[in-house]
Amino acid sequence: MNPQPIRLLIVDDHELVRKGLRSFLDLEADLRVVGEAETAAQAVELVERLHPRLVLLDVRLPDASGIDTCRRLLAVSPEVRILVLTSYAEDNTVVAAVQNGAHGYALKDVKSDDLIRAIHIVAEGRGYLDPRIAQQALQWIRTRPPSTPAPRGLAQLSPQERLIMPLLADGKTNKEIALQLRLSDKTVKNYLANIFDKLQVKRRTEAVAWFLRETQSFSPSRHP
């Protein structure tokens, strides 16, 4: 018996974007677009009525910010998953979206296969961050001189935990993190439990938001 397709709602104020996404996504057998909205108010009404599994949400809407829309959607449907799909990659926008409930963040020029992957990752209950955004944080860690003290927030994490954070931001599973760092799945799970406890967060996306805020705030380009 085939699993039920992932029910999607597209929220974007540009009709051509909505129609283009719908035409593309409807070609996937395991995805089903159940509705479109061009405003936050319409999105809230459709989420209540259609019960999508996942919302593809732009951060700029005519009647509200996408950040505010995240909160409103989760207020009426706490189980809905939200994947921000936008042209804006500013640090504060990414962090604000995740802090206010978004489960994933992708840029509109994402490759089609990567968008499908992001949808599945978020629908499955994991967090997703566009690799180009995550790479900025990873690059900062790699290029920071060893003698440079870590930001106060990151300093509370062990060196191994600091290596895990950008991989977590990249949406990798525990198994993928274990493979890349040559650790066991159980070890990665234990590291994540320690990280969550230190940061006092419960969700992977909350940990990602914290990590981005720390690395971007202390980026050398921002603090010469």
N, C-alpha and C. Protein backbone atom coordinates (compact mmCIF):
# COMPACT_ATOMS: atom_id res chain seq x y z
N MET A 1 0.84 -1.20 0.00
CA MET A 1 0.00 0.00 0.00
C MET A 1 0.88 1.25 0.00
N ASN A 2 0.67 2.15 -0.95
CA ASN A 2 1.48 3.35 -1.06
C ASN A 2 1.11 4.34 0.05
N PRO A 3 2.11 5.03 0.62
CA PRO A 3 1.82 6.02 1.65
C PRO A 3 1.05 7.20 1.07
N GLN A 4 0.32 7.89 1.92
CA GLN A 4 -0.41 9.07 1.48
C GLN A 4 0.57 10.16 1.06
N PRO A 5 0.26 10.89 -0.02
CA PRO A 5 1.15 11.98 -0.44
C PRO A 5 1.20 13.09 0.61
N ILE A 6 2.28 13.83 0.59
CA ILE A 6 2.44 14.97 1.49
C ILE A 6 1.56 16.10 0.98
N ARG A 7 0.66 16.58 1.81
CA ARG A 7 -0.26 17.65 1.42
C ARG A 7 0.43 19.00 1.64
N LEU A 8 0.46 19.82 0.58
CA LEU A 8 1.19 21.08 0.60
C LEU A 8 0.27 22.27 0.39
N LEU A 9 0.58 23.37 1.06
CA LEU A 9 -0.06 24.66 0.81
C LEU A 9 1.03 25.64 0.40
N ILE A 10 0.83 26.33 -0.71
CA ILE A 10 1.80 27.31 -1.20
C ILE A 10 1.32 28.71 -0.82
N VAL A 11 2.17 29.48 -0.13
CA VAL A 11 1.81 30.83 0.29
C VAL A 11 2.83 31.81 -0.28
N ASP A 12 2.40 32.57 -1.27
CA ASP A 12 3.27 33.54 -1.94
C ASP A 12 2.39 34.57 -2.60
N ASP A 13 2.79 35.84 -2.57
CA ASP A 13 1.92 36.87 -3.13
C ASP A 13 2.07 37.03 -4.64
N HIS A 14 2.96 36.27 -5.26
CA HIS A 14 3.13 36.33 -6.71
C HIS A 14 2.45 35.11 -7.36
N GLU A 15 1.45 35.38 -8.18
CA GLU A 15 0.67 34.30 -8.79
C GLU A 15 1.55 33.40 -9.64
N LEU A 16 2.47 33.99 -10.41
CA LEU A 16 3.32 33.17 -11.28
C LEU A 16 4.19 32.22 -10.48
N VAL A 17 4.66 32.68 -9.33
CA VAL A 17 5.46 31.81 -8.46
C VAL A 17 4.61 30.65 -7.98
N ARG A 18 3.40 30.96 -7.53
CA ARG A 18 2.51 29.90 -7.02
C ARG A 18 2.19 28.89 -8.11
N LYS A 19 1.84 29.37 -9.28
CA LYS A 19 1.47 28.47 -10.38
C LYS A 19 2.67 27.63 -10.82
N GLY A 20 3.85 28.27 -10.86
CA GLY A 20 5.04 27.53 -11.26
C GLY A 20 5.38 26.44 -10.27
N LEU A 21 5.31 26.76 -8.99
CA LEU A 21 5.58 25.76 -7.97
C LEU A 21 4.57 24.63 -8.03
N ARG A 22 3.30 24.99 -8.21
CA ARG A 22 2.26 23.96 -8.24
C ARG A 22 2.47 23.02 -9.42
N SER A 23 2.76 23.56 -10.59
CA SER A 23 2.98 22.72 -11.78
C SER A 23 4.15 21.76 -11.57
N PHE A 24 5.19 22.27 -10.94
CA PHE A 24 6.39 21.46 -10.70
C PHE A 24 6.13 20.39 -9.63
N LEU A 25 5.53 20.80 -8.51
CA LEU A 25 5.34 19.88 -7.40
C LEU A 25 4.30 18.81 -7.70
N ASP A 26 3.32 19.15 -8.51
CA ASP A 26 2.28 18.17 -8.84
C ASP A 26 2.81 17.03 -9.70
N LEU A 27 4.00 17.18 -10.23
CA LEU A 27 4.61 16.10 -11.01
C LEU A 27 5.16 14.99 -10.10
N GLU A 28 5.32 15.32 -8.82
CA GLU A 28 5.84 14.34 -7.86
C GLU A 28 4.70 13.49 -7.32
N ALA A 29 4.82 12.18 -7.44
CA ALA A 29 3.73 11.29 -7.04
C ALA A 29 3.44 11.35 -5.55
N ASP A 30 4.47 11.65 -4.74
CA ASP A 30 4.25 11.64 -3.29
C ASP A 30 4.00 13.03 -2.71
N LEU A 31 3.74 14.01 -3.58
CA LEU A 31 3.41 15.36 -3.14
C LEU A 31 2.06 15.76 -3.74
N ARG A 32 1.29 16.51 -3.00
CA ARG A 32 -0.01 16.97 -3.49
C ARG A 32 -0.26 18.39 -2.99
N VAL A 33 -0.34 19.34 -3.92
CA VAL A 33 -0.65 20.73 -3.57
C VAL A 33 -2.16 20.83 -3.37
N VAL A 34 -2.57 21.18 -2.16
CA VAL A 34 -4.01 21.22 -1.85
C VAL A 34 -4.57 22.64 -1.87
N GLY A 35 -3.68 23.63 -1.97
CA GLY A 35 -4.19 25.00 -2.01
C GLY A 35 -3.09 26.02 -2.19
N GLU A 36 -3.53 27.25 -2.49
CA GLU A 36 -2.61 28.38 -2.67
C GLU A 36 -3.18 29.57 -1.92
N ALA A 37 -2.29 30.40 -1.39
CA ALA A 37 -2.71 31.63 -0.70
C ALA A 37 -1.74 32.74 -1.05
N GLU A 38 -2.27 33.97 -1.15
CA GLU A 38 -1.40 35.10 -1.45
C GLU A 38 -1.26 36.06 -0.27
N THR A 39 -2.00 35.81 0.81
CA THR A 39 -1.90 36.63 2.01
C THR A 39 -1.82 35.74 3.25
N ALA A 40 -1.42 36.35 4.35
CA ALA A 40 -1.35 35.61 5.60
C ALA A 40 -2.75 35.18 6.05
N ALA A 41 -3.72 36.07 5.88
CA ALA A 41 -5.09 35.75 6.29
C ALA A 41 -5.62 34.55 5.52
N GLN A 42 -5.38 34.52 4.21
CA GLN A 42 -5.80 33.38 3.41
C GLN A 42 -5.09 32.11 3.85
N ALA A 43 -3.81 32.23 4.16
CA ALA A 43 -3.03 31.05 4.59
C ALA A 43 -3.60 30.46 5.86
N VAL A 44 -3.92 31.30 6.83
CA VAL A 44 -4.48 30.82 8.09
C VAL A 44 -5.80 30.11 7.85
N GLU A 45 -6.65 30.71 7.01
CA GLU A 45 -7.96 30.11 6.72
C GLU A 45 -7.82 28.77 6.02
N LEU A 46 -6.89 28.67 5.07
CA LEU A 46 -6.71 27.42 4.32
C LEU A 46 -6.06 26.34 5.18
N VAL A 47 -5.16 26.72 6.06
CA VAL A 47 -4.56 25.72 6.95
C VAL A 47 -5.62 25.13 7.87
N GLU A 48 -6.50 25.97 8.37
CA GLU A 48 -7.58 25.48 9.23
C GLU A 48 -8.52 24.56 8.46
N ARG A 49 -8.78 24.89 7.20
CA ARG A 49 -9.79 24.15 6.43
C ARG A 49 -9.22 22.93 5.72
N LEU A 50 -7.99 23.02 5.20
CA LEU A 50 -7.45 21.96 4.35
C LEU A 50 -6.48 21.03 5.09
N HIS A 51 -5.99 21.45 6.23
CA HIS A 51 -5.08 20.62 7.03
C HIS A 51 -3.88 20.09 6.24
N PRO A 52 -3.09 20.98 5.63
CA PRO A 52 -1.90 20.50 4.92
C PRO A 52 -0.86 19.99 5.91
N ARG A 53 0.00 19.12 5.42
CA ARG A 53 1.11 18.66 6.26
C ARG A 53 2.21 19.71 6.31
N LEU A 54 2.40 20.43 5.18
CA LEU A 54 3.51 21.36 5.07
C LEU A 54 3.08 22.61 4.33
N VAL A 55 3.59 23.76 4.78
CA VAL A 55 3.33 25.04 4.13
C VAL A 55 4.64 25.57 3.55
N LEU A 56 4.63 25.89 2.26
CA LEU A 56 5.75 26.59 1.63
C LEU A 56 5.44 28.08 1.74
N LEU A 57 6.25 28.82 2.48
CA LEU A 57 5.90 30.18 2.88
C LEU A 57 6.96 31.20 2.49
N ASP A 58 6.54 32.24 1.79
CA ASP A 58 7.44 33.36 1.52
C ASP A 58 7.45 34.27 2.75
N VAL A 59 8.54 35.00 2.97
CA VAL A 59 8.62 35.84 4.17
C VAL A 59 8.06 37.24 3.95
N ARG A 60 7.72 37.59 2.71
CA ARG A 60 7.15 38.90 2.42
C ARG A 60 5.75 38.72 1.86
N LEU A 61 4.75 39.11 2.65
CA LEU A 61 3.36 39.02 2.23
C LEU A 61 2.71 40.39 2.38
N PRO A 62 1.63 40.68 1.63
CA PRO A 62 1.06 42.02 1.65
C PRO A 62 0.46 42.43 2.99
N ASP A 63 -0.07 41.48 3.75
CA ASP A 63 -0.77 41.83 4.99
C ASP A 63 -0.01 41.47 6.26
N ALA A 64 1.13 40.83 6.14
CA ALA A 64 1.91 40.45 7.33
C ALA A 64 3.27 39.96 6.88
N SER A 65 4.21 39.98 7.80
CA SER A 65 5.51 39.38 7.50
C SER A 65 5.37 37.87 7.56
N GLY A 66 6.26 37.19 6.87
CA GLY A 66 6.25 35.74 6.95
C GLY A 66 6.55 35.24 8.34
N ILE A 67 7.33 36.04 9.10
CA ILE A 67 7.66 35.67 10.47
C ILE A 67 6.40 35.65 11.31
N ASP A 68 5.60 36.71 11.19
CA ASP A 68 4.33 36.77 11.92
C ASP A 68 3.40 35.65 11.46
N THR A 69 3.43 35.37 10.15
CA THR A 69 2.57 34.32 9.61
C THR A 69 2.93 32.96 10.20
N CYS A 70 4.21 32.71 10.41
CA CYS A 70 4.62 31.45 11.06
C CYS A 70 3.90 31.27 12.38
N ARG A 71 3.92 32.32 13.20
CA ARG A 71 3.28 32.23 14.52
C ARG A 71 1.78 31.99 14.38
N ARG A 72 1.15 32.68 13.43
CA ARG A 72 -0.30 32.55 13.27
C ARG A 72 -0.68 31.16 12.76
N LEU A 73 0.11 30.62 11.86
CA LEU A 73 -0.19 29.28 11.34
C LEU A 73 -0.05 28.23 12.43
N LEU A 74 1.00 28.33 13.23
CA LEU A 74 1.22 27.35 14.29
C LEU A 74 0.19 27.50 15.42
N ALA A 75 -0.34 28.70 15.56
CA ALA A 75 -1.37 28.90 16.58
C ALA A 75 -2.65 28.15 16.24
N VAL A 76 -2.99 28.09 14.94
CA VAL A 76 -4.23 27.39 14.54
C VAL A 76 -3.97 25.93 14.22
N SER A 77 -2.70 25.56 13.93
CA SER A 77 -2.38 24.17 13.60
C SER A 77 -0.96 23.86 14.08
N PRO A 78 -0.81 23.52 15.36
CA PRO A 78 0.53 23.29 15.92
C PRO A 78 1.31 22.18 15.22
N GLU A 79 0.62 21.27 14.53
CA GLU A 79 1.29 20.14 13.89
C GLU A 79 1.80 20.45 12.48
N VAL A 80 1.37 21.58 11.91
CA VAL A 80 1.76 21.88 10.53
C VAL A 80 3.26 22.16 10.48
N ARG A 81 3.89 21.75 9.41
CA ARG A 81 5.32 22.00 9.19
C ARG A 81 5.47 23.18 8.24
N ILE A 82 6.43 24.04 8.50
CA ILE A 82 6.61 25.26 7.70
C ILE A 82 8.00 25.29 7.10
N LEU A 83 8.04 25.37 5.78
CA LEU A 83 9.30 25.53 5.05
C LEU A 83 9.28 26.89 4.37
N VAL A 84 10.10 27.80 4.86
CA VAL A 84 10.20 29.13 4.25
C VAL A 84 10.91 28.98 2.90
N LEU A 85 10.31 29.56 1.86
CA LEU A 85 10.90 29.56 0.53
C LEU A 85 10.91 30.99 0.04
N THR A 86 12.08 31.60 0.01
CA THR A 86 12.16 33.03 -0.21
C THR A 86 13.42 33.41 -0.96
N SER A 87 13.50 34.69 -1.34
CA SER A 87 14.70 35.20 -2.00
C SER A 87 15.65 35.85 -1.01
N TYR A 88 15.22 35.98 0.24
CA TYR A 88 15.98 36.74 1.22
C TYR A 88 16.84 35.83 2.09
N ALA A 89 18.14 36.12 2.10
CA ALA A 89 19.09 35.28 2.85
C ALA A 89 19.75 36.05 3.98
N GLU A 90 19.19 37.22 4.35
CA GLU A 90 19.79 38.01 5.42
C GLU A 90 19.80 37.21 6.73
N ASP A 91 20.88 37.36 7.48
CA ASP A 91 21.04 36.59 8.72
C ASP A 91 19.86 36.78 9.67
N ASN A 92 19.45 38.06 9.86
CA ASN A 92 18.39 38.31 10.84
C ASN A 92 17.07 37.71 10.39
N THR A 93 16.83 37.64 9.07
CA THR A 93 15.59 37.05 8.57
C THR A 93 15.57 35.55 8.81
N VAL A 94 16.70 34.91 8.54
CA VAL A 94 16.79 33.46 8.75
C VAL A 94 16.56 33.12 10.22
N VAL A 95 17.28 33.81 11.10
CA VAL A 95 17.18 33.52 12.53
C VAL A 95 15.77 33.80 13.03
N ALA A 96 15.19 34.92 12.61
CA ALA A 96 13.84 35.27 13.07
C ALA A 96 12.82 34.23 12.63
N ALA A 97 12.96 33.74 11.40
CA ALA A 97 12.02 32.73 10.89
C ALA A 97 12.09 31.46 11.73
N VAL A 98 13.29 31.00 12.00
CA VAL A 98 13.45 29.76 12.77
C VAL A 98 13.00 29.96 14.21
N GLN A 99 13.34 31.11 14.78
CA GLN A 99 12.94 31.37 16.16
C GLN A 99 11.42 31.43 16.33
N ASN A 100 10.73 31.80 15.26
CA ASN A 100 9.28 31.93 15.34
C ASN A 100 8.53 30.74 14.77
N GLY A 101 9.23 29.62 14.64
CA GLY A 101 8.53 28.38 14.35
C GLY A 101 8.79 27.73 13.02
N ALA A 102 9.48 28.40 12.09
CA ALA A 102 9.76 27.77 10.80
C ALA A 102 10.64 26.54 11.01
N HIS A 103 10.33 25.48 10.30
CA HIS A 103 11.09 24.23 10.44
C HIS A 103 12.16 24.08 9.37
N GLY A 104 12.13 24.96 8.37
CA GLY A 104 13.12 24.90 7.31
C GLY A 104 13.21 26.23 6.60
N TYR A 105 14.33 26.47 5.90
CA TYR A 105 14.55 27.73 5.22
C TYR A 105 15.32 27.45 3.93
N ALA A 106 14.70 27.74 2.79
CA ALA A 106 15.32 27.52 1.49
C ALA A 106 15.20 28.77 0.65
N LEU A 107 16.15 28.96 -0.25
CA LEU A 107 16.13 30.10 -1.15
C LEU A 107 15.46 29.73 -2.47
N LYS A 108 14.83 30.72 -3.11
CA LYS A 108 14.01 30.43 -4.28
C LYS A 108 14.81 29.97 -5.49
N ASP A 109 16.10 30.23 -5.50
CA ASP A 109 16.90 29.74 -6.62
C ASP A 109 17.46 28.35 -6.35
N VAL A 110 16.88 27.67 -5.37
CA VAL A 110 17.30 26.31 -5.04
C VAL A 110 17.04 25.39 -6.23
N LYS A 111 17.89 24.40 -6.43
CA LYS A 111 17.67 23.43 -7.49
C LYS A 111 16.43 22.60 -7.19
N SER A 112 15.76 22.16 -8.23
CA SER A 112 14.49 21.46 -8.05
C SER A 112 14.63 20.22 -7.17
N ASP A 113 15.69 19.44 -7.40
CA ASP A 113 15.89 18.24 -6.59
C ASP A 113 16.12 18.58 -5.13
N ASP A 114 16.82 19.68 -4.89
CA ASP A 114 17.09 20.08 -3.51
C ASP A 114 15.82 20.57 -2.82
N LEU A 115 14.92 21.21 -3.58
CA LEU A 115 13.66 21.64 -2.98
C LEU A 115 12.82 20.43 -2.59
N ILE A 116 12.77 19.43 -3.46
CA ILE A 116 12.03 18.20 -3.13
C ILE A 116 12.61 17.56 -1.89
N ARG A 117 13.94 17.52 -1.82
CA ARG A 117 14.61 16.96 -0.64
C ARG A 117 14.25 17.75 0.61
N ALA A 118 14.26 19.08 0.50
CA ALA A 118 13.94 19.93 1.66
C ALA A 118 12.51 19.68 2.13
N ILE A 119 11.59 19.54 1.20
CA ILE A 119 10.19 19.28 1.56
C ILE A 119 10.07 17.98 2.33
N HIS A 120 10.74 16.94 1.86
CA HIS A 120 10.67 15.65 2.54
C HIS A 120 11.32 15.71 3.92
N ILE A 121 12.45 16.40 4.02
CA ILE A 121 13.14 16.51 5.31
C ILE A 121 12.23 17.19 6.33
N VAL A 122 11.63 18.31 5.95
CA VAL A 122 10.78 19.05 6.88
C VAL A 122 9.50 18.27 7.19
N ALA A 123 8.91 17.65 6.17
CA ALA A 123 7.68 16.88 6.39
C ALA A 123 7.91 15.70 7.32
N GLU A 124 9.13 15.16 7.30
CA GLU A 124 9.46 14.02 8.15
C GLU A 124 9.75 14.41 9.60
N GLY A 125 9.73 15.73 9.88
CA GLY A 125 9.92 16.16 11.25
C GLY A 125 11.31 16.68 11.57
N ARG A 126 12.15 16.81 10.55
CA ARG A 126 13.50 17.32 10.77
C ARG A 126 13.59 18.77 10.33
N GLY A 127 14.70 19.43 10.68
CA GLY A 127 14.92 20.80 10.26
C GLY A 127 15.76 20.86 9.00
N TYR A 128 15.58 21.93 8.22
CA TYR A 128 16.36 22.09 6.99
C TYR A 128 16.80 23.54 6.87
N LEU A 129 18.05 23.73 6.48
CA LEU A 129 18.57 25.06 6.22
C LEU A 129 19.32 25.01 4.89
N ASP A 130 19.04 25.97 4.04
CA ASP A 130 19.72 26.01 2.74
C ASP A 130 21.23 25.86 2.96
N PRO A 131 21.87 24.91 2.26
CA PRO A 131 23.30 24.65 2.48
C PRO A 131 24.17 25.89 2.34
N ARG A 132 23.77 26.85 1.49
CA ARG A 132 24.58 28.05 1.31
C ARG A 132 24.60 28.90 2.57
N ILE A 133 23.50 28.89 3.31
CA ILE A 133 23.44 29.64 4.56
C ILE A 133 24.23 28.90 5.64
N ALA A 134 24.02 27.58 5.71
CA ALA A 134 24.76 26.79 6.68
C ALA A 134 26.26 26.86 6.41
N GLN A 135 26.63 26.93 5.14
CA GLN A 135 28.04 26.96 4.77
C GLN A 135 28.74 28.20 5.31
N GLN A 136 28.00 29.32 5.41
CA GLN A 136 28.59 30.54 5.95
C GLN A 136 29.05 30.31 7.39
N ALA A 137 28.19 29.64 8.14
CA ALA A 137 28.55 29.36 9.54
C ALA A 137 29.70 28.36 9.62
N LEU A 138 29.66 27.33 8.78
CA LEU A 138 30.72 26.33 8.78
C LEU A 138 32.05 26.96 8.37
N GLN A 139 32.02 27.84 7.39
CA GLN A 139 33.24 28.51 6.93
C GLN A 139 33.83 29.37 8.04
N TRP A 140 32.95 30.00 8.80
CA TRP A 140 33.43 30.83 9.91
C TRP A 140 34.19 29.98 10.91
N ILE A 141 33.67 28.80 11.22
CA ILE A 141 34.33 27.93 12.18
C ILE A 141 35.68 27.44 11.64
N ARG A 142 35.70 27.11 10.34
CA ARG A 142 36.92 26.55 9.75
C ARG A 142 38.03 27.58 9.62
N THR A 143 37.66 28.84 9.37
CA THR A 143 38.67 29.87 9.10
C THR A 143 39.06 30.65 10.35
N ARG A 144 38.34 30.46 11.45
CA ARG A 144 38.67 31.19 12.68
C ARG A 144 40.02 30.72 13.21
N PRO A 145 40.95 31.62 13.43
CA PRO A 145 42.26 31.21 13.96
C PRO A 145 42.10 30.44 15.26
N PRO A 146 42.88 29.36 15.43
CA PRO A 146 42.77 28.54 16.65
C PRO A 146 42.94 29.34 17.93
N SER A 147 43.73 30.42 17.85
CA SER A 147 43.99 31.21 19.06
C SER A 147 42.85 32.16 19.39
N THR A 148 41.90 32.32 18.45
CA THR A 148 40.79 33.23 18.68
C THR A 148 39.77 32.59 19.61
N PRO A 149 39.44 33.22 20.73
CA PRO A 149 38.46 32.63 21.64
C PRO A 149 37.11 32.48 20.95
N ALA A 150 36.43 31.41 21.27
CA ALA A 150 35.08 31.23 20.73
C ALA A 150 34.14 32.22 21.38
N PRO A 151 33.09 32.66 20.67
CA PRO A 151 32.09 33.50 21.31
C PRO A 151 31.60 32.85 22.61
N ARG A 152 31.17 33.68 23.53
CA ARG A 152 30.81 33.17 24.84
C ARG A 152 29.79 32.03 24.75
N GLY A 153 28.82 32.16 23.84
CA GLY A 153 27.81 31.12 23.70
C GLY A 153 28.40 29.81 23.21
N LEU A 154 29.20 29.87 22.16
CA LEU A 154 29.79 28.67 21.59
C LEU A 154 30.83 28.06 22.53
N ALA A 155 31.41 28.88 23.39
CA ALA A 155 32.45 28.38 24.29
C ALA A 155 31.92 27.33 25.26
N GLN A 156 30.62 27.33 25.49
CA GLN A 156 30.06 26.34 26.41
C GLN A 156 29.96 24.96 25.77
N LEU A 157 30.13 24.89 24.45
CA LEU A 157 30.10 23.61 23.76
C LEU A 157 31.51 23.05 23.62
N SER A 158 31.60 21.75 23.62
CA SER A 158 32.90 21.11 23.41
C SER A 158 33.30 21.25 21.95
N PRO A 159 34.59 21.05 21.62
CA PRO A 159 35.02 21.14 20.22
C PRO A 159 34.22 20.21 19.31
N GLN A 160 33.93 19.00 19.76
CA GLN A 160 33.16 18.07 18.94
C GLN A 160 31.73 18.56 18.75
N GLU A 161 31.16 19.13 19.79
CA GLU A 161 29.80 19.66 19.69
C GLU A 161 29.75 20.84 18.74
N ARG A 162 30.82 21.64 18.71
CA ARG A 162 30.86 22.77 17.78
C ARG A 162 30.97 22.30 16.34
N LEU A 163 31.58 21.16 16.11
CA LEU A 163 31.64 20.58 14.76
C LEU A 163 30.27 20.05 14.32
N ILE A 164 29.50 19.58 15.27
CA ILE A 164 28.19 19.01 14.96
C ILE A 164 27.19 20.10 14.55
N MET A 165 27.30 21.29 15.15
CA MET A 165 26.28 22.32 14.94
C MET A 165 26.04 22.71 13.48
N PRO A 166 27.08 22.99 12.66
CA PRO A 166 26.81 23.34 11.27
C PRO A 166 26.22 22.19 10.47
N LEU A 167 26.54 20.95 10.84
CA LEU A 167 25.96 19.79 10.16
C LEU A 167 24.48 19.68 10.52
N LEU A 168 24.16 20.00 11.76
CA LEU A 168 22.77 20.04 12.19
C LEU A 168 22.02 21.11 11.41
N ALA A 169 22.66 22.26 11.23
CA ALA A 169 22.05 23.36 10.48
C ALA A 169 21.82 22.99 9.02
N ASP A 170 22.64 22.09 8.52
CA ASP A 170 22.52 21.64 7.12
C ASP A 170 21.41 20.61 6.95
N GLY A 171 20.70 20.29 8.02
CA GLY A 171 19.58 19.36 7.92
C GLY A 171 19.99 17.90 7.90
N LYS A 172 21.23 17.60 8.28
CA LYS A 172 21.69 16.22 8.22
C LYS A 172 21.08 15.39 9.35
N THR A 173 20.84 14.13 9.08
CA THR A 173 20.32 13.21 10.09
C THR A 173 21.45 12.81 11.03
N ASN A 174 21.07 12.17 12.13
CA ASN A 174 22.09 11.67 13.06
C ASN A 174 23.05 10.72 12.35
N LYS A 175 22.49 9.88 11.50
CA LYS A 175 23.33 8.91 10.77
C LYS A 175 24.30 9.62 9.83
N GLU A 176 23.84 10.67 9.15
CA GLU A 176 24.72 11.40 8.23
C GLU A 176 25.80 12.15 9.00
N ILE A 177 25.44 12.71 10.15
CA ILE A 177 26.44 13.39 10.99
C ILE A 177 27.48 12.39 11.48
N ALA A 178 27.00 11.22 11.91
CA ALA A 178 27.91 10.18 12.39
C ALA A 178 28.89 9.76 11.30
N LEU A 179 28.38 9.60 10.09
CA LEU A 179 29.22 9.18 8.98
C LEU A 179 30.28 10.22 8.67
N GLN A 180 29.89 11.49 8.64
CA GLN A 180 30.83 12.55 8.29
C GLN A 180 31.90 12.74 9.36
N LEU A 181 31.53 12.60 10.62
CA LEU A 181 32.48 12.81 11.71
C LEU A 181 33.12 11.52 12.20
N ARG A 182 32.74 10.41 11.56
CA ARG A 182 33.29 9.09 11.92
C ARG A 182 32.99 8.74 13.38
N LEU A 183 31.72 8.92 13.72
CA LEU A 183 31.25 8.59 15.06
C LEU A 183 30.14 7.56 14.94
N SER A 184 29.75 6.98 16.04
CA SER A 184 28.60 6.07 16.03
C SER A 184 27.32 6.88 16.14
N ASP A 185 26.20 6.29 15.68
CA ASP A 185 24.91 6.96 15.78
C ASP A 185 24.60 7.30 17.24
N LYS A 186 24.91 6.35 18.14
CA LYS A 186 24.61 6.56 19.56
C LYS A 186 25.42 7.72 20.12
N THR A 187 26.67 7.84 19.70
CA THR A 187 27.51 8.93 20.18
C THR A 187 26.96 10.27 19.74
N VAL A 188 26.52 10.35 18.48
CA VAL A 188 25.93 11.59 17.97
C VAL A 188 24.67 11.93 18.75
N LYS A 189 23.85 10.93 19.00
CA LYS A 189 22.62 11.14 19.77
C LYS A 189 22.94 11.70 21.16
N ASN A 190 23.98 11.18 21.78
CA ASN A 190 24.38 11.66 23.10
C ASN A 190 24.90 13.09 23.05
N TYR A 191 25.69 13.38 22.00
CA TYR A 191 26.19 14.75 21.83
C TYR A 191 25.02 15.73 21.67
N LEU A 192 24.03 15.35 20.86
CA LEU A 192 22.89 16.23 20.63
C LEU A 192 22.10 16.44 21.92
N ALA A 193 21.94 15.40 22.71
CA ALA A 193 21.24 15.54 23.99
C ALA A 193 21.98 16.53 24.89
N ASN A 194 23.32 16.45 24.89
CA ASN A 194 24.12 17.38 25.70
C ASN A 194 23.98 18.80 25.18
N ILE A 195 23.99 18.95 23.84
CA ILE A 195 23.86 20.28 23.23
C ILE A 195 22.52 20.90 23.60
N PHE A 196 21.45 20.12 23.45
CA PHE A 196 20.11 20.64 23.75
C PHE A 196 20.01 21.04 25.22
N ASP A 197 20.63 20.25 26.08
CA ASP A 197 20.59 20.55 27.51
C ASP A 197 21.36 21.84 27.82
N LYS A 198 22.52 22.01 27.20
CA LYS A 198 23.31 23.21 27.43
C LYS A 198 22.61 24.46 26.91
N LEU A 199 21.97 24.34 25.76
CA LEU A 199 21.32 25.49 25.13
C LEU A 199 19.91 25.71 25.66
N GLN A 200 19.40 24.72 26.41
CA GLN A 200 18.04 24.77 26.95
C GLN A 200 17.02 24.91 25.83
N VAL A 201 17.16 24.03 24.82
CA VAL A 201 16.21 23.98 23.71
C VAL A 201 15.67 22.56 23.60
N LYS A 202 14.58 22.41 22.88
CA LYS A 202 13.96 21.10 22.71
C LYS A 202 13.96 20.64 21.25
N ARG A 203 14.06 21.58 20.32
CA ARG A 203 13.97 21.23 18.90
C ARG A 203 15.30 21.48 18.20
N ARG A 204 15.54 20.70 17.15
CA ARG A 204 16.74 20.89 16.34
C ARG A 204 16.76 22.28 15.74
N THR A 205 15.59 22.76 15.27
CA THR A 205 15.54 24.07 14.64
C THR A 205 15.85 25.19 15.63
N GLU A 206 15.49 25.00 16.90
CA GLU A 206 15.83 25.99 17.92
C GLU A 206 17.34 26.04 18.14
N ALA A 207 17.97 24.87 18.09
CA ALA A 207 19.42 24.82 18.23
C ALA A 207 20.10 25.49 17.03
N VAL A 208 19.54 25.29 15.84
CA VAL A 208 20.08 25.91 14.62
C VAL A 208 19.97 27.43 14.71
N ALA A 209 18.81 27.92 15.16
CA ALA A 209 18.62 29.37 15.29
C ALA A 209 19.65 29.96 16.25
N TRP A 210 19.87 29.28 17.36
CA TRP A 210 20.87 29.73 18.34
C TRP A 210 22.25 29.77 17.70
N PHE A 211 22.60 28.71 16.97
CA PHE A 211 23.92 28.61 16.35
C PHE A 211 24.15 29.72 15.34
N LEU A 212 23.14 29.97 14.49
CA LEU A 212 23.28 31.03 13.49
C LEU A 212 23.44 32.39 14.15
N ARG A 213 22.67 32.62 15.18
CA ARG A 213 22.76 33.90 15.87
C ARG A 213 24.16 34.10 16.46
N GLU A 214 24.73 33.04 17.03
CA GLU A 214 26.06 33.14 17.63
C GLU A 214 27.13 33.38 16.58
N THR A 215 27.12 32.58 15.52
CA THR A 215 28.20 32.68 14.53
C THR A 215 28.10 33.96 13.72
N GLN A 216 26.88 34.37 13.34
CA GLN A 216 26.75 35.57 12.53
C GLN A 216 27.04 36.81 13.34
N SER A 217 26.66 36.81 14.61
CA SER A 217 26.89 37.98 15.46
C SER A 217 28.37 38.22 15.68
N PHE A 218 29.15 37.13 15.66
CA PHE A 218 30.58 37.25 15.94
C PHE A 218 31.43 37.03 14.69
N SER A 219 30.80 37.14 13.51
CA SER A 219 31.55 36.96 12.26
C SER A 219 32.63 38.02 12.15
N PRO A 220 33.85 37.65 11.71
CA PRO A 220 34.93 38.62 11.56
C PRO A 220 34.57 39.77 10.63
N SER A 221 33.74 39.49 9.61
CA SER A 221 33.37 40.54 8.66
C SER A 221 32.51 41.61 9.32
N ARG A 222 31.86 41.24 10.45
CA ARG A 222 31.00 42.19 11.14
C ARG A 222 31.75 42.87 12.28
N HIS A 223 32.82 42.23 12.73
CA HIS A 223 33.56 42.77 13.85
C HIS A 223 35.04 42.84 13.49
N PRO A 224 35.43 43.84 12.73
CA PRO A 224 36.83 43.91 12.28
C PRO A 224 37.79 44.08 13.45
